[in-house]
Amino acid sequence: SGTTSGTFARLINMNIEPFLLASTI
């Protein structure tokens, strides 16, 4: 990922649900 903050968009583009990212990362 280009930036730390861009990590979430990168994973969302992998079809990972945002609530899963918010609860685990």
PDB file of all heavy atoms in Angstrom:
ATOM      1  N   SER A   1       0.860  -1.175   0.000  1.00  0.00           N
ATOM      2  CA  SER A   1       0.000   0.000   0.000  1.00  0.00           C
ATOM      3  C   SER A   1       0.893   1.220   0.000  1.00  0.00           C
ATOM      4  O   SER A   1       1.953   1.239   0.637  1.00  0.00           O
ATOM      5  CB  SER A   1      -0.910   0.010   1.233  1.00  0.00           C
ATOM      6  OG  SER A   1      -1.646   1.210   1.325  1.00  0.00           O
ATOM      7  N   GLY A   2       0.484   2.251  -0.719  1.00  0.00           N
ATOM      8  CA  GLY A   2       1.311   3.441  -0.812  1.00  0.00           C
ATOM      9  C   GLY A   2       1.486   4.172   0.500  1.00  0.00           C
ATOM     10  O   GLY A   2       2.536   4.739   0.765  1.00  0.00           O
ATOM     11  N   THR A   3       0.452   4.166   1.327  1.00  0.00           N
ATOM     12  CA  THR A   3       0.474   4.857   2.608  1.00  0.00           C
ATOM     13  C   THR A   3      -0.163   3.981   3.673  1.00  0.00           C
ATOM     14  O   THR A   3      -0.896   3.038   3.365  1.00  0.00           O
ATOM     15  CB  THR A   3      -0.283   6.191   2.532  1.00  0.00           C
ATOM     16  OG1 THR A   3      -1.664   5.929   2.191  1.00  0.00           O
ATOM     17  CG2 THR A   3       0.325   7.113   1.473  1.00  0.00           C
ATOM     18  N   THR A   4       0.083   4.306   4.929  1.00  0.00           N
ATOM     19  CA  THR A   4      -0.558   3.559   6.005  1.00  0.00           C
ATOM     20  C   THR A   4      -2.068   3.727   5.958  1.00  0.00           C
ATOM     21  O   THR A   4      -2.817   2.770   6.116  1.00  0.00           O
ATOM     22  CB  THR A   4      -0.032   4.026   7.373  1.00  0.00           C
ATOM     23  OG1 THR A   4      -0.203   5.450   7.485  1.00  0.00           O
ATOM     24  CG2 THR A   4       1.437   3.701   7.539  1.00  0.00           C
ATOM     25  N   SER A   5      -2.518   4.944   5.745  1.00  0.00           N
ATOM     26  CA  SER A   5      -3.957   5.199   5.706  1.00  0.00           C
ATOM     27  C   SER A   5      -4.624   4.564   4.498  1.00  0.00           C
ATOM     28  O   SER A   5      -5.831   4.295   4.512  1.00  0.00           O
ATOM     29  CB  SER A   5      -4.228   6.709   5.725  1.00  0.00           C
ATOM     30  OG  SER A   5      -3.467   7.374   4.745  1.00  0.00           O
ATOM     31  N   GLY A   6      -3.847   4.322   3.430  1.00  0.00           N
ATOM     32  CA  GLY A   6      -4.394   3.680   2.244  1.00  0.00           C
ATOM     33  C   GLY A   6      -4.571   2.184   2.390  1.00  0.00           C
ATOM     34  O   GLY A   6      -5.145   1.530   1.508  1.00  0.00           O
ATOM     35  N   THR A   7      -4.103   1.628   3.511  1.00  0.00           N
ATOM     36  CA  THR A   7      -4.227   0.196   3.761  1.00  0.00           C
ATOM     37  C   THR A   7      -5.683  -0.250   3.764  1.00  0.00           C
ATOM     38  O   THR A   7      -6.025  -1.308   3.229  1.00  0.00           O
ATOM     39  CB  THR A   7      -3.565  -0.156   5.103  1.00  0.00           C
ATOM     40  OG1 THR A   7      -2.171   0.154   5.033  1.00  0.00           O
ATOM     41  CG2 THR A   7      -3.746  -1.621   5.441  1.00  0.00           C
ATOM     42  N   PHE A   8      -6.539   0.560   4.351  1.00  0.00           N
ATOM     43  CA  PHE A   8      -7.946   0.173   4.476  1.00  0.00           C
ATOM     44  C   PHE A   8      -8.624   0.108   3.111  1.00  0.00           C
ATOM     45  O   PHE A   8      -9.363  -0.837   2.816  1.00  0.00           O
ATOM     46  CB  PHE A   8      -8.669   1.145   5.408  1.00  0.00           C
ATOM     47  CG  PHE A   8      -8.032   1.250   6.755  1.00  0.00           C
ATOM     48  CD1 PHE A   8      -7.170   2.309   7.061  1.00  0.00           C
ATOM     49  CD2 PHE A   8      -8.252   0.292   7.725  1.00  0.00           C
ATOM     50  CE1 PHE A   8      -6.571   2.412   8.294  1.00  0.00           C
ATOM     51  CE2 PHE A   8      -7.648   0.389   8.975  1.00  0.00           C
ATOM     52  CZ  PHE A   8      -6.802   1.437   9.248  1.00  0.00           C
ATOM     53  N   ALA A   9      -8.359   1.113   2.259  1.00  0.00           N
ATOM     54  CA  ALA A   9      -8.920   1.096   0.909  1.00  0.00           C
ATOM     55  C   ALA A   9      -8.407  -0.097   0.118  1.00  0.00           C
ATOM     56  O   ALA A   9      -9.141  -0.709  -0.665  1.00  0.00           O
ATOM     57  CB  ALA A   9      -8.582   2.402   0.185  1.00  0.00           C
ATOM     58  N   ARG A  10      -7.129  -0.422   0.311  1.00  0.00           N
ATOM     59  CA  ARG A  10      -6.538  -1.574  -0.385  1.00  0.00           C
ATOM     60  C   ARG A  10      -7.275  -2.861  -0.008  1.00  0.00           C
ATOM     61  O   ARG A  10      -7.580  -3.684  -0.877  1.00  0.00           O
ATOM     62  CB  ARG A  10      -5.059  -1.674  -0.001  1.00  0.00           C
ATOM     63  CG  ARG A  10      -4.338  -2.873  -0.585  1.00  0.00           C
ATOM     64  CD  ARG A  10      -3.855  -2.622  -1.979  1.00  0.00           C
ATOM     65  NE  ARG A  10      -3.042  -3.697  -2.460  1.00  0.00           N
ATOM     66  CZ  ARG A  10      -3.489  -4.803  -3.058  1.00  0.00           C
ATOM     67  NH1 ARG A  10      -4.792  -4.947  -3.271  1.00  0.00           N
ATOM     68  NH2 ARG A  10      -2.662  -5.740  -3.454  1.00  0.00           N
ATOM     69  N   LEU A  11      -7.574  -3.045   1.271  1.00  0.00           N
ATOM     70  CA  LEU A  11      -8.262  -4.255   1.711  1.00  0.00           C
ATOM     71  C   LEU A  11      -9.737  -4.249   1.315  1.00  0.00           C
ATOM     72  O   LEU A  11     -10.310  -5.295   1.006  1.00  0.00           O
ATOM     73  CB  LEU A  11      -8.109  -4.416   3.223  1.00  0.00           C
ATOM     74  CG  LEU A  11      -6.688  -4.808   3.676  1.00  0.00           C
ATOM     75  CD1 LEU A  11      -6.531  -4.610   5.178  1.00  0.00           C
ATOM     76  CD2 LEU A  11      -6.393  -6.250   3.292  1.00  0.00           C
ATOM     77  N   ILE A  12     -10.367  -3.073   1.335  1.00  0.00           N
ATOM     78  CA  ILE A  12     -11.756  -2.975   0.882  1.00  0.00           C
ATOM     79  C   ILE A  12     -11.847  -3.354  -0.588  1.00  0.00           C
ATOM     80  O   ILE A  12     -12.805  -4.013  -1.028  1.00  0.00           O
ATOM     81  CB  ILE A  12     -12.308  -1.565   1.141  1.00  0.00           C
ATOM     82  CG1 ILE A  12     -12.517  -1.353   2.656  1.00  0.00           C
ATOM     83  CG2 ILE A  12     -13.631  -1.350   0.406  1.00  0.00           C
ATOM     84  CD1 ILE A  12     -12.885   0.060   3.043  1.00  0.00           C
ATOM     85  N   ASN A  13     -10.833  -2.978  -1.374  1.00  0.00           N
ATOM     86  CA  ASN A  13     -10.791  -3.366  -2.787  1.00  0.00           C
ATOM     87  C   ASN A  13     -10.616  -4.873  -2.963  1.00  0.00           C
ATOM     88  O   ASN A  13     -10.874  -5.402  -4.041  1.00  0.00           O
ATOM     89  CB  ASN A  13      -9.671  -2.620  -3.512  1.00  0.00           C
ATOM     90  CG  ASN A  13      -9.996  -1.155  -3.737  1.00  0.00           C
ATOM     91  OD1 ASN A  13     -11.162  -0.762  -3.762  1.00  0.00           O
ATOM     92  ND2 ASN A  13      -8.974  -0.331  -3.890  1.00  0.00           N
ATOM     93  N   MET A  14     -10.146  -5.547  -1.901  1.00  0.00           N
ATOM     94  CA  MET A  14     -10.067  -7.015  -1.910  1.00  0.00           C
ATOM     95  C   MET A  14     -11.381  -7.639  -1.449  1.00  0.00           C
ATOM     96  O   MET A  14     -11.443  -8.844  -1.194  1.00  0.00           O
ATOM     97  CB  MET A  14      -8.940  -7.497  -0.985  1.00  0.00           C
ATOM     98  CG  MET A  14      -7.543  -7.225  -1.489  1.00  0.00           C
ATOM     99  SD  MET A  14      -6.308  -7.958  -0.342  1.00  0.00           S
ATOM    100  CE  MET A  14      -4.787  -7.432  -1.102  1.00  0.00           C
ATOM    101  N   ASN A  15     -12.420  -6.820  -1.332  1.00  0.00           N
ATOM    102  CA  ASN A  15     -13.754  -7.277  -0.928  1.00  0.00           C
ATOM    103  C   ASN A  15     -13.839  -7.662   0.548  1.00  0.00           C
ATOM    104  O   ASN A  15     -14.677  -8.489   0.933  1.00  0.00           O
ATOM    105  CB  ASN A  15     -14.224  -8.448  -1.802  1.00  0.00           C
ATOM    106  CG  ASN A  15     -14.375  -8.063  -3.261  1.00  0.00           C
ATOM    107  OD1 ASN A  15     -14.910  -7.016  -3.595  1.00  0.00           O
ATOM    108  ND2 ASN A  15     -13.870  -8.922  -4.147  1.00  0.00           N
ATOM    109  N   ILE A  16     -12.982  -7.071   1.369  1.00  0.00           N
ATOM    110  CA  ILE A  16     -13.079  -7.262   2.809  1.00  0.00           C
ATOM    111  C   ILE A  16     -14.033  -6.217   3.379  1.00  0.00           C
ATOM    112  O   ILE A  16     -13.900  -5.023   3.097  1.00  0.00           O
ATOM    113  CB  ILE A  16     -11.700  -7.148   3.484  1.00  0.00           C
ATOM    114  CG1 ILE A  16     -10.700  -8.101   2.844  1.00  0.00           C
ATOM    115  CG2 ILE A  16     -11.840  -7.424   4.980  1.00  0.00           C
ATOM    116  CD1 ILE A  16     -11.065  -9.553   2.925  1.00  0.00           C
ATOM    117  N   GLU A  17     -14.991  -6.654   4.179  1.00  0.00           N
ATOM    118  CA  GLU A  17     -15.986  -5.750   4.734  1.00  0.00           C
ATOM    119  C   GLU A  17     -15.338  -4.742   5.689  1.00  0.00           C
ATOM    120  O   GLU A  17     -14.496  -5.117   6.518  1.00  0.00           O
ATOM    121  CB  GLU A  17     -17.065  -6.532   5.484  1.00  0.00           C
ATOM    122  CG  GLU A  17     -17.951  -7.390   4.595  1.00  0.00           C
ATOM    123  CD  GLU A  17     -18.851  -6.537   3.706  1.00  0.00           C
ATOM    124  OE1 GLU A  17     -19.077  -5.355   4.038  1.00  0.00           O
ATOM    125  OE2 GLU A  17     -19.333  -7.051   2.697  1.00  0.00           O
ATOM    126  N   PRO A  18     -15.729  -3.473   5.589  1.00  0.00           N
ATOM    127  CA  PRO A  18     -15.135  -2.449   6.460  1.00  0.00           C
ATOM    128  C   PRO A  18     -15.272  -2.749   7.946  1.00  0.00           C
ATOM    129  O   PRO A  18     -14.361  -2.457   8.729  1.00  0.00           O
ATOM    130  CB  PRO A  18     -15.900  -1.181   6.078  1.00  0.00           C
ATOM    131  CG  PRO A  18     -16.339  -1.412   4.669  1.00  0.00           C
ATOM    132  CD  PRO A  18     -16.630  -2.881   4.594  1.00  0.00           C
ATOM    133  N   PHE A  19     -16.405  -3.343   8.371  1.00  0.00           N
ATOM    134  CA  PHE A  19     -16.578  -3.596   9.795  1.00  0.00           C
ATOM    135  C   PHE A  19     -15.570  -4.632  10.299  1.00  0.00           C
ATOM    136  O   PHE A  19     -15.166  -4.584  11.469  1.00  0.00           O
ATOM    137  CB  PHE A  19     -18.013  -4.042  10.096  1.00  0.00           C
ATOM    138  CG  PHE A  19     -18.329  -5.474   9.757  1.00  0.00           C
ATOM    139  CD1 PHE A  19     -18.142  -6.478  10.703  1.00  0.00           C
ATOM    140  CD2 PHE A  19     -18.809  -5.827   8.509  1.00  0.00           C
ATOM    141  CE1 PHE A  19     -18.441  -7.807  10.405  1.00  0.00           C
ATOM    142  CE2 PHE A  19     -19.101  -7.145   8.193  1.00  0.00           C
ATOM    143  CZ  PHE A  19     -18.921  -8.132   9.144  1.00  0.00           C
ATOM    144  N   LEU A  20     -15.149  -5.563   9.424  1.00  0.00           N
ATOM    145  CA  LEU A  20     -14.132  -6.529   9.815  1.00  0.00           C
ATOM    146  C   LEU A  20     -12.776  -5.848   9.999  1.00  0.00           C
ATOM    147  O   LEU A  20     -12.034  -6.166  10.924  1.00  0.00           O
ATOM    148  CB  LEU A  20     -14.021  -7.643   8.766  1.00  0.00           C
ATOM    149  CG  LEU A  20     -15.213  -8.589   8.640  1.00  0.00           C
ATOM    150  CD1 LEU A  20     -15.006  -9.554   7.470  1.00  0.00           C
ATOM    151  CD2 LEU A  20     -15.425  -9.368   9.936  1.00  0.00           C
ATOM    152  N   LEU A  21     -12.452  -4.918   9.123  1.00  0.00           N
ATOM    153  CA  LEU A  21     -11.205  -4.173   9.241  1.00  0.00           C
ATOM    154  C   LEU A  21     -11.206  -3.335  10.513  1.00  0.00           C
ATOM    155  O   LEU A  21     -10.208  -3.284  11.239  1.00  0.00           O
ATOM    156  CB  LEU A  21     -11.002  -3.269   8.022  1.00  0.00           C
ATOM    157  CG  LEU A  21     -10.979  -3.953   6.658  1.00  0.00           C
ATOM    158  CD1 LEU A  21     -10.813  -2.919   5.541  1.00  0.00           C
ATOM    159  CD2 LEU A  21      -9.861  -4.982   6.590  1.00  0.00           C
ATOM    160  N   ALA A  22     -12.318  -2.669  10.764  1.00  0.00           N
ATOM    161  CA  ALA A  22     -12.417  -1.795  11.924  1.00  0.00           C
ATOM    162  C   ALA A  22     -12.293  -2.568  13.235  1.00  0.00           C
ATOM    163  O   ALA A  22     -11.776  -2.046  14.229  1.00  0.00           O
ATOM    164  CB  ALA A  22     -13.741  -1.025  11.892  1.00  0.00           C
ATOM    165  N   SER A  23     -12.729  -3.809  13.234  1.00  0.00           N
ATOM    166  CA  SER A  23     -12.736  -4.582  14.473  1.00  0.00           C
ATOM    167  C   SER A  23     -11.472  -5.412  14.682  1.00  0.00           C
ATOM    168  O   SER A  23     -11.262  -5.929  15.791  1.00  0.00           O
ATOM    169  CB  SER A  23     -13.959  -5.511  14.501  1.00  0.00           C
ATOM    170  OG  SER A  23     -13.957  -6.395  13.386  1.00  0.00           O
ATOM    171  N   THR A  24     -10.635  -5.555  13.669  1.00  0.00           N
ATOM    172  CA  THR A  24      -9.456  -6.420  13.808  1.00  0.00           C
ATOM    173  C   THR A  24      -8.128  -5.678  13.711  1.00  0.00           C
ATOM    174  O   THR A  24      -7.190  -6.000  14.445  1.00  0.00           O
ATOM    175  CB  THR A  24      -9.458  -7.541  12.748  1.00  0.00           C
ATOM    176  OG1 THR A  24      -9.550  -6.966  11.433  1.00  0.00           O
ATOM    177  CG2 THR A  24     -10.619  -8.493  12.984  1.00  0.00           C
ATOM    178  N   ILE A  25      -8.009  -4.694  12.800  1.00  0.00           N
ATOM    179  CA  ILE A  25      -6.733  -4.000  12.621  1.00  0.00           C
ATOM    180  C   ILE A  25      -6.501  -3.060  13.795  1.00  0.00           C
ATOM    181  O   ILE A  25      -7.299  -2.173  14.083  1.00  0.00           O
ATOM    182  CB  ILE A  25      -6.701  -3.213  11.299  1.00  0.00           C
ATOM    183  CG1 ILE A  25      -6.809  -4.171  10.107  1.00  0.00           C
ATOM    184  CG2 ILE A  25      -5.405  -2.400  11.195  1.00  0.00           C
ATOM    185  CD1 ILE A  25      -6.844  -3.473   8.761  1.00  0.00           C
TER     186      ILE A  25
END
